C-alpha atoms as a PDB file:
ATOM      1  CA  MET A   1       0.000   0.000   0.000  1.00  0.00           C
ATOM      2  CA  ARG A   2       1.209   3.473  -0.802  1.00  0.00           C
ATOM      3  CA  LYS A   3       2.611   5.216   2.286  1.00  0.00           C
ATOM      4  CA  ARG A   4       1.681   8.757   3.133  1.00  0.00           C
ATOM      5  CA  ARG A   5       4.565  11.155   2.538  1.00  0.00           C
ATOM      6  CA  ARG A   6       5.059  13.398   5.526  1.00  0.00           C
ATOM      7  CA  VAL A   7       5.791  16.967   4.590  1.00  0.00           C
ATOM      8  CA  GLN A   8       9.182  18.092   5.811  1.00  0.00           C
ATOM      9  CA  ARG A   9       8.659  20.554   8.585  1.00  0.00           C
ATOM     10  CA  GLY A  10      11.190  22.814  10.254  1.00  0.00           C
ATOM     11  CA  PHE A  11      11.986  25.791  12.361  1.00  0.00           C
ATOM     12  CA  ASP A  12      10.172  28.377  10.241  1.00  0.00           C
ATOM     13  CA  GLU A  13       6.842  26.579  10.236  1.00  0.00           C
ATOM     14  CA  GLY A  14       7.156  25.649  13.894  1.00  0.00           C
ATOM     15  CA  TRP A  15       7.907  29.194  14.980  1.00  0.00           C
ATOM     16  CA  LYS A  16       5.098  30.739  12.979  1.00  0.00           C
ATOM     17  CA  TYR A  17       2.694  28.221  14.453  1.00  0.00           C
ATOM     18  CA  ALA A  18       3.996  28.786  18.001  1.00  0.00           C
ATOM     19  CA  LEU A  19       3.623  32.544  17.697  1.00  0.00           C
ATOM     20  CA  GLN A  20       0.043  32.247  16.529  1.00  0.00           C
ATOM     21  CA  VAL A  21      -1.059  30.028  19.402  1.00  0.00           C
ATOM     22  CA  PHE A  22       1.159  31.463  22.171  1.00  0.00           C
ATOM     23  CA  LEU A  23       1.584  35.143  21.287  1.00  0.00           C
ATOM     24  CA  PRO A  24       0.896  36.569  24.807  1.00  0.00           C
ATOM     25  CA  GLU A  25       3.137  33.951  26.412  1.00  0.00           C
ATOM     26  CA  CYS A  26       5.849  34.609  23.817  1.00  0.00           C
ATOM     27  CA  LEU A  27       5.949  38.345  24.453  1.00  0.00           C
ATOM     28  CA  LEU A  28       5.805  37.818  28.218  1.00  0.00           C
ATOM     29  CA  LEU A  29       8.916  35.650  28.050  1.00  0.00           C
ATOM     30  CA  LEU A  30      10.879  37.328  25.267  1.00  0.00           C
ATOM     31  CA  PHE A  31       9.729  40.975  25.341  1.00  0.00           C
ATOM     32  CA  PRO A  32       8.158  41.499  28.796  1.00  0.00           C
ATOM     33  CA  SER A  33       8.110  45.314  28.695  1.00  0.00           C
ATOM     34  CA  LEU A  34       6.144  45.241  25.435  1.00  0.00           C
ATOM     35  CA  HIS A  35       3.799  42.589  26.808  1.00  0.00           C
ATOM     36  CA  ALA A  36       2.938  44.916  29.704  1.00  0.00           C
ATOM     37  CA  GLN A  37       1.895  47.680  27.294  1.00  0.00           C
ATOM     38  CA  ILE A  38      -0.608  45.581  25.343  1.00  0.00           C
ATOM     39  CA  ASP A  39      -4.266  45.383  26.342  1.00  0.00           C
ATOM     40  CA  TRP A  40      -4.814  41.638  26.137  1.00  0.00           C
ATOM     41  CA  SER A  41      -8.544  42.015  26.856  1.00  0.00           C
ATOM     42  CA  GLN A  42      -8.935  43.444  23.344  1.00  0.00           C
ATOM     43  CA  PRO A  43      -8.986  41.284  20.197  1.00  0.00           C
ATOM     44  CA  VAL A  44      -5.668  40.218  18.722  1.00  0.00           C
ATOM     45  CA  VAL A  45      -5.890  39.942  14.936  1.00  0.00           C
ATOM     46  CA  PHE A  46      -3.345  38.111  12.812  1.00  0.00           C
ATOM     47  CA  LEU A  47      -3.027  39.767   9.413  1.00  0.00           C
ATOM     48  CA  ARG A  48      -1.953  38.510   6.039  1.00  0.00           C
ATOM     49  CA  THR A  49       1.809  38.612   5.732  1.00  0.00           C
ATOM     50  CA  GLU A  50       2.110  39.205   1.996  1.00  0.00           C
ATOM     51  CA  LEU A  51       3.550  42.622   1.207  1.00  0.00           C
ATOM     52  CA  HIS A  52       1.670  44.474  -1.500  1.00  0.00           C
ATOM     53  CA  ARG A  53       1.567  48.035  -2.847  1.00  0.00           C
ATOM     54  CA  LEU A  54       4.848  47.614  -4.667  1.00  0.00           C
ATOM     55  CA  ALA A  55       5.579  47.250  -8.346  1.00  0.00           C
ATOM     56  CA  PRO A  56       5.621  43.620  -9.528  1.00  0.00           C
ATOM     57  CA  SER A  57       9.273  43.987 -10.478  1.00  0.00           C
ATOM     58  CA  GLN A  58      10.057  44.756  -6.849  1.00  0.00           C
ATOM     59  CA  LEU A  59       8.049  41.821  -5.511  1.00  0.00           C
ATOM     60  CA  ARG A  60      10.105  39.449  -7.649  1.00  0.00           C
ATOM     61  CA  ARG A  61      13.270  40.417  -5.812  1.00  0.00           C
ATOM     62  CA  GLY A  62      12.638  37.838  -3.117  1.00  0.00           C
ATOM     63  CA  ILE A  63      11.212  39.814  -0.193  1.00  0.00           C
ATOM     64  CA  ARG A  64       7.564  38.894  -0.457  1.00  0.00           C
ATOM     65  CA  SER A  65       6.198  38.243   3.020  1.00  0.00           C
ATOM     66  CA  VAL A  66       7.020  38.598   6.688  1.00  0.00           C
ATOM     67  CA  ASP A  67       6.842  35.869   9.322  1.00  0.00           C
ATOM     68  CA  VAL A  68       4.136  37.278  11.614  1.00  0.00           C
ATOM     69  CA  LEU A  69       2.041  40.434  11.421  1.00  0.00           C
ATOM     70  CA  VAL A  70      -0.521  41.049  14.142  1.00  0.00           C
ATOM     71  CA  GLN A  71      -2.782  43.890  15.247  1.00  0.00           C
ATOM     72  CA  VAL A  72      -3.017  44.666  18.971  1.00  0.00           C
ATOM     73  CA  HIS A  73      -4.320  47.407  21.259  1.00  0.00           C
ATOM     74  CA  PHE A  74      -2.212  49.317  23.761  1.00  0.00           C
ATOM     75  CA  ARG A  75      -3.109  50.115  27.378  1.00  0.00           C
ATOM     76  CA  ASP A  76      -2.250  53.822  27.158  1.00  0.00           C
ATOM     77  CA  GLY A  77      -5.876  54.901  26.703  1.00  0.00           C
ATOM     78  CA  LYS A  78      -5.375  56.289  23.218  1.00  0.00           C
ATOM     79  CA  ALA A  79      -7.911  55.307  20.558  1.00  0.00           C
ATOM     80  CA  ARG A  80      -5.504  53.442  18.340  1.00  0.00           C
ATOM     81  CA  VAL A  81      -4.215  50.065  17.330  1.00  0.00           C
ATOM     82  CA  VAL A  82      -0.629  48.957  16.811  1.00  0.00           C
ATOM     83  CA  LEU A  83       0.837  46.511  14.324  1.00  0.00           C
ATOM     84  CA  LEU A  84       3.488  44.090  15.541  1.00  0.00           C
ATOM     85  CA  HIS A  85       5.834  42.576  12.999  1.00  0.00           C
ATOM     86  CA  ILE A  86       7.832  39.614  14.317  1.00  0.00           C
ATOM     87  CA  GLU A  87      10.639  38.022  12.344  1.00  0.00           C
ATOM     88  CA  ILE A  88      12.359  34.753  13.282  1.00  0.00           C
ATOM     89  CA  GLN A  89      15.891  34.394  11.941  1.00  0.00           C
ATOM     90  CA  ALA A  90      17.364  30.897  12.244  1.00  0.00           C
ATOM     91  CA  GLN A  91      20.711  31.478  10.519  1.00  0.00           C
ATOM     92  CA  ARG A  92      23.279  34.221  10.282  1.00  0.00           C
ATOM     93  CA  ASP A  93      22.593  36.629   7.401  1.00  0.00           C
ATOM     94  CA  PRO A  94      24.610  39.818   6.791  1.00  0.00           C
ATOM     95  CA  ASN A  95      21.590  41.336   5.031  1.00  0.00           C
ATOM     96  CA  PHE A  96      19.187  40.723   7.892  1.00  0.00           C
ATOM     97  CA  PRO A  97      19.195  44.360   9.179  1.00  0.00           C
ATOM     98  CA  LEU A  98      18.466  45.535   5.644  1.00  0.00           C
ATOM     99  CA  ARG A  99      15.594  43.058   5.353  1.00  0.00           C
ATOM    100  CA  MET A 100      14.146  44.230   8.658  1.00  0.00           C
ATOM    101  CA  PHE A 101      14.162  47.806   7.391  1.00  0.00           C
ATOM    102  CA  VAL A 102      12.631  46.801   4.062  1.00  0.00           C
ATOM    103  CA  TYR A 103       9.933  44.812   5.846  1.00  0.00           C
ATOM    104  CA  PHE A 104       9.214  47.783   8.086  1.00  0.00           C
ATOM    105  CA  TYR A 105       8.727  50.324   5.333  1.00  0.00           C
ATOM    106  CA  ARG A 106       6.731  47.934   3.169  1.00  0.00           C
ATOM    107  CA  ILE A 107       4.334  47.181   6.039  1.00  0.00           C
ATOM    108  CA  PHE A 108       4.242  50.900   6.854  1.00  0.00           C
ATOM    109  CA  ASP A 109       3.333  51.767   3.279  1.00  0.00           C
ATOM    110  CA  ALA A 110       0.913  48.886   2.634  1.00  0.00           C
ATOM    111  CA  ASN A 111      -1.161  49.615   5.769  1.00  0.00           C
ATOM    112  CA  ASP A 112      -1.513  53.407   5.429  1.00  0.00           C
ATOM    113  CA  PHE A 113       1.319  54.373   7.788  1.00  0.00           C
ATOM    114  CA  PRO A 114       0.241  52.712  11.053  1.00  0.00           C
ATOM    115  CA  GLU A 115       1.982  52.682  14.395  1.00  0.00           C
ATOM    116  CA  LEU A 116       4.331  49.773  13.877  1.00  0.00           C
ATOM    117  CA  ILE A 117       6.824  47.798  15.940  1.00  0.00           C
ATOM    118  CA  SER A 118       9.275  45.336  14.377  1.00  0.00           C
ATOM    119  CA  LEU A 119      10.804  42.622  16.582  1.00  0.00           C
ATOM    120  CA  ALA A 120      13.478  40.052  15.767  1.00  0.00           C
ATOM    121  CA  ILE A 121      13.895  36.641  17.394  1.00  0.00           C
ATOM    122  CA  LEU A 122      17.449  35.484  16.701  1.00  0.00           C
ATOM    123  CA  ALA A 123      17.192  31.697  16.652  1.00  0.00           C
ATOM    124  CA  ASP A 124      20.582  30.915  15.099  1.00  0.00           C
ATOM    125  CA  ASP A 125      23.498  29.044  16.688  1.00  0.00           C
ATOM    126  CA  ASP A 126      26.091  31.857  16.594  1.00  0.00           C
ATOM    127  CA  PRO A 127      26.335  33.558  20.018  1.00  0.00           C
ATOM    128  CA  ASP A 128      28.249  36.524  18.575  1.00  0.00           C
ATOM    129  CA  TRP A 129      25.786  37.486  15.842  1.00  0.00           C
ATOM    130  CA  ARG A 130      23.464  40.180  17.236  1.00  0.00           C
ATOM    131  CA  PRO A 131      22.119  42.528  14.539  1.00  0.00           C
ATOM    132  CA  SER A 132      19.784  45.266  15.755  1.00  0.00           C
ATOM    133  CA  VAL A 133      20.438  48.324  13.572  1.00  0.00           C
ATOM    134  CA  PHE A 134      20.248  49.273   9.911  1.00  0.00           C
ATOM    135  CA  GLU A 135      22.060  52.525   9.157  1.00  0.00           C
ATOM    136  CA  ARG A 136      22.911  54.621   6.113  1.00  0.00           C
ATOM    137  CA  GLN A 137      24.597  58.027   5.916  1.00  0.00           C
ATOM    138  CA  LEU A 138      25.530  60.055   2.855  1.00  0.00           C
ATOM    139  CA  ALA A 139      25.976  63.787   2.276  1.00  0.00           C
ATOM    140  CA  GLY A 140      23.943  64.805   5.295  1.00  0.00           C
ATOM    141  CA  CYS A 141      21.115  62.345   4.620  1.00  0.00           C
ATOM    142  CA  ASN A 142      21.067  60.003   7.603  1.00  0.00           C
ATOM    143  CA  LEU A 143      18.944  56.940   8.279  1.00  0.00           C
ATOM    144  CA  ARG A 144      19.035  54.775  11.402  1.00  0.00           C
ATOM    145  CA  PHE A 145      16.508  52.012  12.000  1.00  0.00           C
ATOM    146  CA  GLU A 146      16.750  50.137  15.304  1.00  0.00           C
ATOM    147  CA  PHE A 147      14.676  47.091  16.150  1.00  0.00           C
ATOM    148  CA  PRO A 148      14.406  45.147  19.433  1.00  0.00           C
ATOM    149  CA  THR A 149      15.935  41.681  19.357  1.00  0.00           C
ATOM    150  CA  VAL A 150      16.173  38.678  21.631  1.00  0.00           C
ATOM    151  CA  LYS A 151      18.844  36.001  21.340  1.00  0.00           C
ATOM    152  CA  LEU A 152      17.542  32.550  22.212  1.00  0.00           C
ATOM    153  CA  LEU A 153      21.032  31.279  23.048  1.00  0.00           C
ATOM    154  CA  ASP A 154      21.064  33.730  25.973  1.00  0.00           C
ATOM    155  CA  PHE A 155      18.381  31.786  27.820  1.00  0.00           C
ATOM    156  CA  ASP A 156      19.451  29.419  30.567  1.00  0.00           C
ATOM    157  CA  GLU A 157      18.005  25.970  29.898  1.00  0.00           C
ATOM    158  CA  ALA A 158      17.676  25.155  33.594  1.00  0.00           C
ATOM    159  CA  GLU A 159      15.574  28.288  34.117  1.00  0.00           C
ATOM    160  CA  LEU A 160      13.449  27.439  31.090  1.00  0.00           C
ATOM    161  CA  GLU A 161      12.812  23.994  32.559  1.00  0.00           C
ATOM    162  CA  GLN A 162      11.558  25.577  35.791  1.00  0.00           C
ATOM    163  CA  SER A 163       9.359  28.194  34.120  1.00  0.00           C
ATOM    164  CA  GLU A 164       5.580  27.786  34.186  1.00  0.00           C
ATOM    165  CA  ASN A 165       5.239  29.811  30.977  1.00  0.00           C
ATOM    166  CA  PRO A 166       4.428  27.326  28.182  1.00  0.00           C
ATOM    167  CA  PHE A 167       6.477  29.357  25.739  1.00  0.00           C
ATOM    168  CA  ALA A 168       9.566  28.497  27.771  1.00  0.00           C
ATOM    169  CA  LEU A 169       9.135  24.953  26.512  1.00  0.00           C
ATOM    170  CA  VAL A 170       8.972  26.283  22.938  1.00  0.00           C
ATOM    171  CA  VAL A 171      12.335  27.994  23.397  1.00  0.00           C
ATOM    172  CA  LEU A 172      13.742  24.932  25.135  1.00  0.00           C
ATOM    173  CA  ALA A 173      12.590  22.720  22.277  1.00  0.00           C
ATOM    174  CA  HIS A 174      14.290  25.004  19.785  1.00  0.00           C
ATOM    175  CA  LEU A 175      17.568  25.003  21.710  1.00  0.00           C
ATOM    176  CA  ARG A 176      17.518  21.236  22.106  1.00  0.00           C
ATOM    177  CA  ALA A 177      16.775  20.862  18.392  1.00  0.00           C
ATOM    178  CA  LEU A 178      19.794  23.015  17.560  1.00  0.00           C
ATOM    179  CA  LYS A 179      22.049  20.864  19.731  1.00  0.00           C
ATOM    180  CA  SER A 180      20.832  17.561  18.357  1.00  0.00           C
ATOM    181  CA  ARG A 181      20.569  18.498  14.693  1.00  0.00           C
ATOM    182  CA  GLY A 182      21.943  15.734  12.472  1.00  0.00           C
ATOM    183  CA  ARG A 183      21.951  13.198  15.336  1.00  0.00           C
ATOM    184  CA  PRO A 184      18.587  11.399  15.241  1.00  0.00           C
ATOM    185  CA  GLU A 185      19.228   9.223  18.292  1.00  0.00           C
ATOM    186  CA  LEU A 186      19.940  12.308  20.400  1.00  0.00           C
ATOM    187  CA  THR A 187      16.979  14.139  18.847  1.00  0.00           C
ATOM    188  CA  LEU A 188      14.726  11.229  19.818  1.00  0.00           C
ATOM    189  CA  ARG A 189      15.958  11.315  23.423  1.00  0.00           C
ATOM    190  CA  GLU A 190      15.534  15.071  23.654  1.00  0.00           C
ATOM    191  CA  LYS A 191      12.071  14.901  22.102  1.00  0.00           C
ATOM    192  CA  ILE A 192      10.971  12.276  24.617  1.00  0.00           C
ATOM    193  CA  ALA A 193      12.435  14.353  27.459  1.00  0.00           C
ATOM    194  CA  LEU A 194      10.407  17.377  26.331  1.00  0.00           C
ATOM    195  CA  ILE A 195       7.187  15.352  26.249  1.00  0.00           C
ATOM    196  CA  ARG A 196       7.903  14.159  29.794  1.00  0.00           C
ATOM    197  CA  ALA A 197       8.512  17.775  30.821  1.00  0.00           C
ATOM    198  CA  MET A 198       5.119  18.693  29.396  1.00  0.00           C
ATOM    199  CA  GLN A 199       3.534  16.007  31.570  1.00  0.00           C
ATOM    200  CA  SER A 200       4.966  17.490  34.753  1.00  0.00           C
ATOM    201  CA  LYS A 201       3.864  21.097  34.203  1.00  0.00           C
ATOM    202  CA  GLY A 202       0.112  20.899  34.603  1.00  0.00           C
ATOM    203  CA  TYR A 203      -0.590  22.600  31.293  1.00  0.00           C
ATOM    204  CA  THR A 204      -4.169  22.741  30.018  1.00  0.00           C
ATOM    205  CA  PRO A 205      -5.206  20.113  27.450  1.00  0.00           C
ATOM    206  CA  GLU A 206      -5.163  22.787  24.755  1.00  0.00           C
ATOM    207  CA  GLN A 207      -1.641  23.869  25.698  1.00  0.00           C
ATOM    208  CA  VAL A 208      -0.421  20.274  25.708  1.00  0.00           C
ATOM    209  CA  THR A 209      -1.812  19.673  22.236  1.00  0.00           C
ATOM    210  CA  GLU A 210      -0.313  22.868  20.801  1.00  0.00           C
ATOM    211  CA  LEU A 211       3.069  22.347  22.475  1.00  0.00           C
ATOM    212  CA  TYR A 212       3.221  18.826  21.140  1.00  0.00           C
ATOM    213  CA  LYS A 213       2.703  20.126  17.617  1.00  0.00           C
ATOM    214  CA  VAL A 214       5.479  22.707  18.035  1.00  0.00           C
ATOM    215  CA  VAL A 215       7.920  20.097  19.354  1.00  0.00           C
ATOM    216  CA  ASP A 216       6.990  17.866  16.429  1.00  0.00           C
ATOM    217  CA  TYR A 217       7.758  20.713  14.012  1.00  0.00           C
ATOM    218  CA  PHE A 218      11.154  21.441  15.560  1.00  0.00           C
ATOM    219  CA  MET A 219      12.259  17.834  15.942  1.00  0.00           C
ATOM    220  CA  ALA A 220      11.253  15.987  12.789  1.00  0.00           C
ATOM    221  CA  LEU A 221      12.757  12.487  12.819  1.00  0.00           C
ATOM    222  CA  PRO A 222      13.617   9.877  10.193  1.00  0.00           C
ATOM    223  CA  GLN A 223      10.878   7.293   9.765  1.00  0.00           C
ATOM    224  CA  GLU A 224      12.372   4.559  11.957  1.00  0.00           C
ATOM    225  CA  TYR A 225      12.957   6.986  14.849  1.00  0.00           C
ATOM    226  CA  GLU A 226       9.556   8.586  14.392  1.00  0.00           C
ATOM    227  CA  LYS A 227       7.953   5.170  14.768  1.00  0.00           C
ATOM    228  CA  ARG A 228       9.695   4.708  18.132  1.00  0.00           C
ATOM    229  CA  PHE A 229       8.567   8.135  19.234  1.00  0.00           C
ATOM    230  CA  LYS A 230       4.953   7.421  18.297  1.00  0.00           C
ATOM    231  CA  GLU A 231       5.062   4.215  20.325  1.00  0.00           C
ATOM    232  CA  PHE A 232       6.306   6.163  23.342  1.00  0.00           C
ATOM    233  CA  VAL A 233       3.529   8.759  23.054  1.00  0.00           C
ATOM    234  CA  ARG A 234       0.892   6.074  22.595  1.00  0.00           C
ATOM    235  CA  GLU A 235       2.037   4.432  25.815  1.00  0.00           C
ATOM    236  CA  ILE A 236       1.834   7.545  27.949  1.00  0.00           C
ATOM    237  CA  GLU A 237      -1.546   8.452  26.446  1.00  0.00           C
ATOM    238  CA  GLU A 238      -2.915   5.023  27.300  1.00  0.00           C
ATOM    239  CA  GLN A 239      -1.487   5.098  30.816  1.00  0.00           C
ATOM    240  CA  SER A 240      -2.861   8.530  31.751  1.00  0.00           C
ATOM    241  CA  GLU A 241      -5.662  10.982  31.087  1.00  0.00           C
ATOM    242  CA  TRP A 242      -3.488  13.026  28.826  1.00  0.00           C
ATOM    243  CA  PRO A 243      -5.207  14.844  25.941  1.00  0.00           C
ATOM    244  CA  LEU A 244      -4.778  13.660  22.409  1.00  0.00           C
ATOM    245  CA  THR A 245      -1.844  15.009  20.483  1.00  0.00           C
ATOM    246  CA  SER A 246      -1.360  15.582  16.806  1.00  0.00           C
ATOM    247  CA  LEU A 247      -0.615  11.898  16.461  1.00  0.00           C
ATOM    248  CA  GLU A 248      -4.330  11.285  16.467  1.00  0.00           C
ATOM    249  CA  LEU A 249      -4.887  13.889  13.777  1.00  0.00           C
ATOM    250  CA  LEU A 250      -2.110  12.267  11.773  1.00  0.00           C
ATOM    251  CA  ALA A 251      -3.795   8.920  12.283  1.00  0.00           C
ATOM    252  CA  LEU A 252      -7.037  10.336  10.944  1.00  0.00           C
ATOM    253  CA  GLU A 253      -5.237  11.602   7.845  1.00  0.00           C
ATOM    254  CA  GLU A 254      -3.418   8.302   7.337  1.00  0.00           C
ATOM    255  CA  GLY A 255      -6.621   6.380   7.928  1.00  0.00           C
ATOM    256  CA  PHE A 256      -8.442   8.437   5.358  1.00  0.00           C
ATOM    257  CA  GLU A 257      -5.758   7.701   2.797  1.00  0.00           C
ATOM    258  CA  GLU A 258      -5.940   4.007   3.652  1.00  0.00           C
ATOM    259  CA  GLY A 259      -9.690   4.188   3.264  1.00  0.00           C
ATOM    260  CA  PHE A 260      -9.252   5.916  -0.069  1.00  0.00           C
ATOM    261  CA  GLU A 261      -6.924   3.179  -1.298  1.00  0.00           C
ATOM    262  CA  LYS A 262      -9.259   0.462  -0.087  1.00  0.00           C
ATOM    263  CA  GLY A 263     -12.264   2.195  -1.591  1.00  0.00           C
ATOM    264  CA  LEU A 264     -10.461   2.593  -4.883  1.00  0.00           C
ATOM    265  CA  GLN A 265      -9.858  -1.140  -5.058  1.00  0.00           C
ATOM    266  CA  GLN A 266     -13.491  -1.852  -4.217  1.00  0.00           C
ATOM    267  CA  GLY A 267     -14.546   0.726  -6.775  1.00  0.00           C
ATOM    268  CA  LEU A 268     -13.030  -1.338  -9.578  1.00  0.00           C
ATOM    269  CA  GLN A 269     -15.568  -4.035  -8.774  1.00  0.00           C
ATOM    270  CA  GLN A 270     -18.697  -2.251  -7.518  1.00  0.00           C
ATOM    271  CA  GLY A 271     -18.587   1.294  -8.775  1.00  0.00           C
ATOM    272  CA  LEU A 272     -15.962   3.903  -7.969  1.00  0.00           C
ATOM    273  CA  GLN A 273     -17.954   6.268  -5.749  1.00  0.00           C
ATOM    274  CA  GLN A 274     -19.616   3.492  -3.790  1.00  0.00           C
ATOM    275  CA  GLY A 275     -16.270   1.869  -3.132  1.00  0.00           C
ATOM    276  CA  LEU A 276     -14.636   5.120  -2.079  1.00  0.00           C
ATOM    277  CA  ASP A 277     -17.471   5.873   0.322  1.00  0.00           C
ATOM    278  CA  ALA A 278     -17.285   2.406   1.833  1.00  0.00           C
ATOM    279  CA  GLY A 279     -13.563   2.638   2.494  1.00  0.00           C
ATOM    280  CA  ARG A 280     -13.885   6.146   3.833  1.00  0.00           C
ATOM    281  CA  ARG A 281     -16.718   5.127   6.177  1.00  0.00           C
ATOM    282  CA  GLU A 282     -14.758   2.168   7.513  1.00  0.00           C
ATOM    283  CA  SER A 283     -11.683   4.275   8.230  1.00  0.00           C
ATOM    284  CA  LEU A 284     -13.703   7.000   9.978  1.00  0.00           C
ATOM    285  CA  VAL A 285     -15.465   4.507  12.245  1.00  0.00           C
ATOM    286  CA  LEU A 286     -12.198   2.751  13.057  1.00  0.00           C
ATOM    287  CA  LEU A 287     -10.296   5.913  13.843  1.00  0.00           C
ATOM    288  CA  THR A 288     -13.102   7.432  15.900  1.00  0.00           C
ATOM    289  CA  ARG A 289     -13.160   4.281  17.978  1.00  0.00           C
ATOM    290  CA  ARG A 290      -9.366   4.398  18.313  1.00  0.00           C
ATOM    291  CA  ALA A 291      -9.465   8.004  19.478  1.00  0.00           C
ATOM    292  CA  LEU A 292     -12.147   7.257  22.062  1.00  0.00           C
ATOM    293  CA  ARG A 293     -10.386   4.156  23.330  1.00  0.00           C
ATOM    294  CA  THR A 294      -7.094   5.996  23.674  1.00  0.00           C
ATOM    295  CA  ARG A 295      -8.754   8.733  25.711  1.00  0.00           C
ATOM    296  CA  PHE A 296     -11.398   6.836  27.697  1.00  0.00           C
ATOM    297  CA  GLY A 297     -10.390   3.167  27.740  1.00  0.00           C
ATOM    298  CA  ASP A 298     -12.183  -0.005  26.718  1.00  0.00           C
ATOM    299  CA  ALA A 299     -15.598   1.427  27.610  1.00  0.00           C
ATOM    300  CA  ALA A 300     -15.502   3.138  24.218  1.00  0.00           C
ATOM    301  CA  LEU A 301     -15.752  -0.209  22.423  1.00  0.00           C
ATOM    302  CA  ALA A 302     -19.457  -0.395  23.276  1.00  0.00           C
ATOM    303  CA  LEU A 303     -20.140   2.501  20.901  1.00  0.00           C
ATOM    304  CA  GLU A 304     -18.958   0.727  17.763  1.00  0.00           C
ATOM    305  CA  GLN A 305     -22.428  -0.530  16.815  1.00  0.00           C
ATOM    306  CA  LYS A 306     -23.900   2.926  17.269  1.00  0.00           C
ATOM    307  CA  LEU A 307     -21.192   4.446  15.100  1.00  0.00           C
ATOM    308  CA  ALA A 308     -22.116   2.018  12.348  1.00  0.00           C
ATOM    309  CA  GLN A 309     -25.663   3.436  12.403  1.00  0.00           C
ATOM    310  CA  VAL A 310     -24.539   6.911  11.340  1.00  0.00           C
ATOM    311  CA  PRO A 311     -25.448   7.126   7.635  1.00  0.00           C
ATOM    312  CA  ALA A 312     -23.827  10.366   6.481  1.00  0.00           C
ATOM    313  CA  LEU A 313     -20.085  10.569   5.868  1.00  0.00           C
ATOM    314  CA  GLU A 314     -20.134  14.262   6.787  1.00  0.00           C
ATOM    315  CA  THR A 315     -21.599  13.359  10.195  1.00  0.00           C
ATOM    316  CA  LEU A 316     -18.955  10.696  10.736  1.00  0.00           C
ATOM    317  CA  GLU A 317     -16.252  13.270   9.968  1.00  0.00           C
ATOM    318  CA  GLU A 318     -17.750  15.619  12.557  1.00  0.00           C
ATOM    319  CA  LEU A 319     -17.901  12.827  15.129  1.00  0.00           C
ATOM    320  CA  ALA A 320     -14.281  11.897  14.458  1.00  0.00           C
ATOM    321  CA  LEU A 321     -13.281  15.457  15.294  1.00  0.00           C
ATOM    322  CA  ILE A 322     -15.558  15.567  18.351  1.00  0.00           C
ATOM    323  CA  ALA A 323     -13.880  12.386  19.617  1.00  0.00           C
ATOM    324  CA  THR A 324     -10.586  14.273  19.899  1.00  0.00           C
ATOM    325  CA  GLN A 325     -12.102  17.177  21.835  1.00  0.00           C
ATOM    326  CA  VAL A 326     -14.830  16.045  24.256  1.00  0.00           C
ATOM    327  CA  ALA A 327     -14.124  15.967  27.982  1.00  0.00           C
ATOM    328  CA  SER A 328     -15.852  12.646  28.655  1.00  0.00           C
ATOM    329  CA  LEU A 329     -17.216   9.535  26.982  1.00  0.00           C
ATOM    330  CA  ASP A 330     -20.711  10.505  28.097  1.00  0.00           C
ATOM    331  CA  GLU A 331     -20.407  13.791  26.244  1.00  0.00           C
ATOM    332  CA  PHE A 332     -19.428  11.986  23.051  1.00  0.00           C
ATOM    333  CA  THR A 333     -22.276   9.477  23.524  1.00  0.00           C
ATOM    334  CA  ARG A 334     -24.778  12.336  23.692  1.00  0.00           C
ATOM    335  CA  ALA A 335     -23.384  13.811  20.478  1.00  0.00           C
ATOM    336  CA  LEU A 336     -23.555  10.394  18.807  1.00  0.00           C
ATOM    337  CA  ASP A 337     -27.139   9.770  19.942  1.00  0.00           C
ATOM    338  CA  SER A 338     -28.141  13.206  18.673  1.00  0.00           C
ATOM    339  CA  ALA A 339     -26.568  12.508  15.264  1.00  0.00           C
ATOM    340  CA  ILE A 340     -28.401   9.160  14.969  1.00  0.00           C
ATOM    341  CA  ARG A 341     -31.695  10.719  16.039  1.00  0.00           C
ATOM    342  CA  GLN A 342     -31.406  13.529  13.513  1.00  0.00           C
ATOM    343  CA  ALA A 343     -30.620  11.034  10.752  1.00  0.00           C
ATOM    344  CA  GLN A 344     -33.689   8.973  11.656  1.00  0.00           C
ATOM    345  CA  GLU A 345     -35.905  12.048  11.652  1.00  0.00           C
ATOM    346  CA  ARG A 346     -34.678  13.020   8.184  1.00  0.00           C
ATOM    347  CA  ASN A 347     -35.541   9.562   6.911  1.00  0.00           C
END
């Protein structure tokens, strides 16, 4: 059977994801004075990062989008909003100050000259590289653009381990990934250690799920090591009341592809669409049951017959997602009963 190809993920994707789900925690840890100025009771809006309002010839020069652009409100009582531009730089680049300035003026121009703050997170492995200024001077025309930076290598790993801020684990994961890069056995050990650290912190289920995804971004493993890691996570999920991680979402995706393959084979004999639907239904029922059993134990097995009564594939997809989110088996049972009842009423 054709195996699902996992998309190669890395620091850039992981950091962008982490900033979207942990923005307040990020600024509290990395830029605490700025965090104190933001009114977190007001909506935080993530904006599109593509940079427009420039001639097409300029856009083709390679600077097309920023990492994170977000709109926030300040606490100073003024009727205004502020744009925050955050750039994550994972390798040394002599042109980085220039890029920060270019990003700044493009955002400034494209958004009708807002109040704008540009921040840089230096995530590289060179302790001596600390750009923070872009400057030009010629014939009395002077330009100096300064931007706040934070160097991740400056953080003490022992202090990060003790911190209750979930973003401390994001930084710790990044630092451990830097140290173990190119050594999969060490990466596996560090990845397992981070998951154990997550267990001991008392994070909310939502935080656990999001942190797991970030760690998985930072510490992608070769297939044979990834299989060992999955087995480890399965074990701790089965032995505790831990929330589901992205492994279950991955399982749903893999299961759908397996169902597609199976349905395709059946379709050669009994009609393509009918076969596809049959394989898809079987995979959804199986994976919903797996999710429930992982979270709530063998008591979930009693629901298999009820799941088979759900006629609509769209409803089964919704139930598969609900299975990863509900707080109890009773809550899922009520959702399942409601879906069956609605289907019966329609018929």
